[in-house]
Amino acid sequence: MYKSFKNSKGQAVVEFAMILPILMLMLLGVVEFGRFYNASLMVNNASREGARSASFGGTTLEVEQRVDSVATSLDTSRITVTISPAGTKSRGDMVTVTVNYDIDPLTPMIGIITGGTLHLKAETVMRVE
């Protein structure tokens, strides 16, 4: 009635060992995608808040401080803020705030797939009030 499987005792372990690298790659890929997406959202929001600060007559230093205060989960030493046009702006002018951020993957395998450092850029244009 029942067959004896004496030669297949380690079959499940071997199958699991074969599929484990693929499962780990998928899990790490999901984690890295979440990190990259979160950083992208933070850069976009920081750009928008920086442009809002600049549109109300904020100085370059105030805009940079606002961007840094909004991007709390990012490494602020890697954030670059560009404001165009620089200097004083009169009412009705357009101001552009560009935020650049470079993020490195945590895992080397995902770094190979993505090509290493991922460059994120967000640009927001607002009218000076």
Protein backbone atom coordinates (compact mmCIF):
# COMPACT_ATOMS: atom_id res chain seq x y z
CA MET A 1 0.00 0.00 0.00
CA TYR A 2 2.65 2.53 1.00
CA LYS A 3 5.89 2.74 -0.92
CA SER A 4 9.18 3.23 0.83
CA PHE A 5 11.13 6.36 -0.14
CA LYS A 6 14.46 5.55 1.44
CA ASN A 7 16.49 7.38 -1.23
CA SER A 8 14.49 10.65 -1.07
CA LYS A 9 15.02 11.75 2.55
CA GLY A 10 17.01 14.88 1.64
CA GLN A 11 14.97 15.84 -1.41
CA ALA A 12 13.08 18.70 0.31
CA VAL A 13 16.31 20.16 1.69
CA VAL A 14 17.95 20.10 -1.74
CA GLU A 15 14.93 21.69 -3.39
CA PHE A 16 14.82 24.40 -0.72
CA ALA A 17 18.55 25.06 -1.14
CA MET A 18 18.02 25.47 -4.89
CA ILE A 19 15.15 27.95 -4.55
CA LEU A 20 16.54 29.92 -1.55
CA PRO A 21 18.77 32.29 -3.59
CA ILE A 22 15.85 33.25 -5.82
CA LEU A 23 13.60 33.86 -2.80
CA MET A 24 16.28 35.98 -1.11
CA LEU A 25 16.84 38.01 -4.27
CA MET A 26 13.11 38.70 -4.52
CA LEU A 27 12.87 39.68 -0.85
CA LEU A 28 15.88 41.99 -1.03
CA GLY A 29 14.54 43.47 -4.26
CA VAL A 30 11.26 44.35 -2.57
CA VAL A 31 13.10 45.97 0.34
CA GLU A 32 15.37 47.99 -1.96
CA PHE A 33 12.44 49.06 -4.14
CA GLY A 34 10.69 50.31 -1.02
CA ARG A 35 13.76 52.28 0.03
CA PHE A 36 14.19 53.81 -3.44
CA TYR A 37 10.50 54.68 -3.71
CA ASN A 38 10.49 56.27 -0.24
CA ALA A 39 13.56 58.33 -1.13
CA SER A 40 11.91 59.42 -4.37
CA LEU A 41 8.80 60.58 -2.52
CA MET A 42 10.93 62.45 0.03
CA VAL A 43 12.93 64.21 -2.71
CA ASN A 44 9.74 65.25 -4.51
CA ASN A 45 8.18 66.55 -1.31
CA ALA A 46 11.38 68.38 -0.33
CA SER A 47 11.50 70.06 -3.74
CA ARG A 48 7.89 71.16 -3.45
CA GLU A 49 8.38 72.55 0.07
CA GLY A 50 11.59 74.31 -0.97
CA ALA A 51 9.82 75.95 -3.90
CA ARG A 52 6.99 76.99 -1.61
CA SER A 53 9.48 78.59 0.77
CA ALA A 54 11.22 80.37 -2.13
CA SER A 55 7.90 81.58 -3.55
CA PHE A 56 7.19 83.41 -0.29
CA GLY A 57 10.50 85.27 -0.53
CA GLY A 58 12.73 82.86 1.37
CA THR A 59 16.48 83.25 1.07
CA THR A 60 18.70 80.51 -0.32
CA LEU A 61 19.68 79.46 3.20
CA GLU A 62 16.04 79.32 4.32
CA VAL A 63 15.10 77.21 1.30
CA GLU A 64 17.96 74.78 1.95
CA GLN A 65 17.01 74.53 5.62
CA ARG A 66 13.39 73.86 4.67
CA VAL A 67 14.45 71.12 2.25
CA ASP A 68 16.64 69.51 4.92
CA SER A 69 13.88 69.71 7.53
CA VAL A 70 11.37 68.00 5.22
CA ALA A 71 13.71 65.22 4.06
CA THR A 72 14.09 63.75 7.53
CA SER A 73 14.70 60.11 6.55
CA LEU A 74 17.39 60.99 3.98
CA ASP A 75 21.08 61.61 4.49
CA THR A 76 21.06 65.41 4.32
CA SER A 77 24.77 65.54 3.46
CA ARG A 78 23.93 63.95 0.08
CA ILE A 79 21.17 66.42 -0.82
CA THR A 80 21.97 69.16 -3.33
CA VAL A 81 19.57 72.10 -3.67
CA THR A 82 19.64 74.47 -6.66
CA ILE A 83 17.49 77.61 -6.81
CA SER A 84 16.96 79.40 -10.09
CA PRO A 85 17.04 82.35 -10.52
CA ALA A 86 19.37 83.08 -7.62
CA GLY A 87 19.12 86.30 -5.64
CA THR A 88 16.12 88.51 -5.02
CA LYS A 89 12.95 87.80 -6.89
CA SER A 90 10.08 90.17 -7.49
CA ARG A 91 6.41 89.32 -7.31
CA GLY A 92 5.16 87.37 -10.32
CA ASP A 93 8.55 85.86 -11.20
CA MET A 94 8.90 82.10 -11.45
CA VAL A 95 11.29 80.33 -9.10
CA THR A 96 12.63 76.83 -9.73
CA VAL A 97 13.94 74.60 -6.96
CA THR A 98 15.82 71.45 -7.95
CA VAL A 99 16.70 68.80 -5.39
CA ASN A 100 19.23 66.07 -6.25
CA TYR A 101 19.92 63.01 -4.11
CA ASP A 102 22.07 59.93 -4.63
CA ILE A 103 21.08 56.72 -2.88
CA ASP A 104 23.17 53.56 -2.67
CA PRO A 105 21.59 50.11 -2.47
CA LEU A 106 22.15 48.20 0.78
CA THR A 107 22.84 44.86 -0.86
CA PRO A 108 25.61 44.31 -3.41
CA MET A 109 23.50 42.01 -5.58
CA ILE A 110 20.81 44.67 -6.02
CA GLY A 111 23.59 47.19 -6.68
CA ILE A 112 24.77 45.04 -9.58
CA ILE A 113 21.25 44.87 -11.00
CA THR A 114 20.55 48.62 -10.62
CA GLY A 115 24.01 49.68 -11.72
CA GLY A 116 25.11 51.05 -8.34
CA THR A 117 24.14 54.48 -7.07
CA LEU A 118 20.68 55.67 -8.08
CA HIS A 119 20.37 59.39 -8.82
CA LEU A 120 17.06 60.99 -7.84
CA LYS A 121 16.07 64.45 -9.05
CA ALA A 122 12.96 66.54 -8.46
CA GLU A 123 12.25 69.98 -9.86
CA THR A 124 9.40 72.28 -8.83
CA VAL A 125 8.45 75.64 -10.35
CA MET A 126 6.28 78.16 -8.48
CA ARG A 127 5.31 81.78 -8.91
CA VAL A 128 6.70 84.26 -6.37
CA GLU A 129 3.91 85.70 -4.21
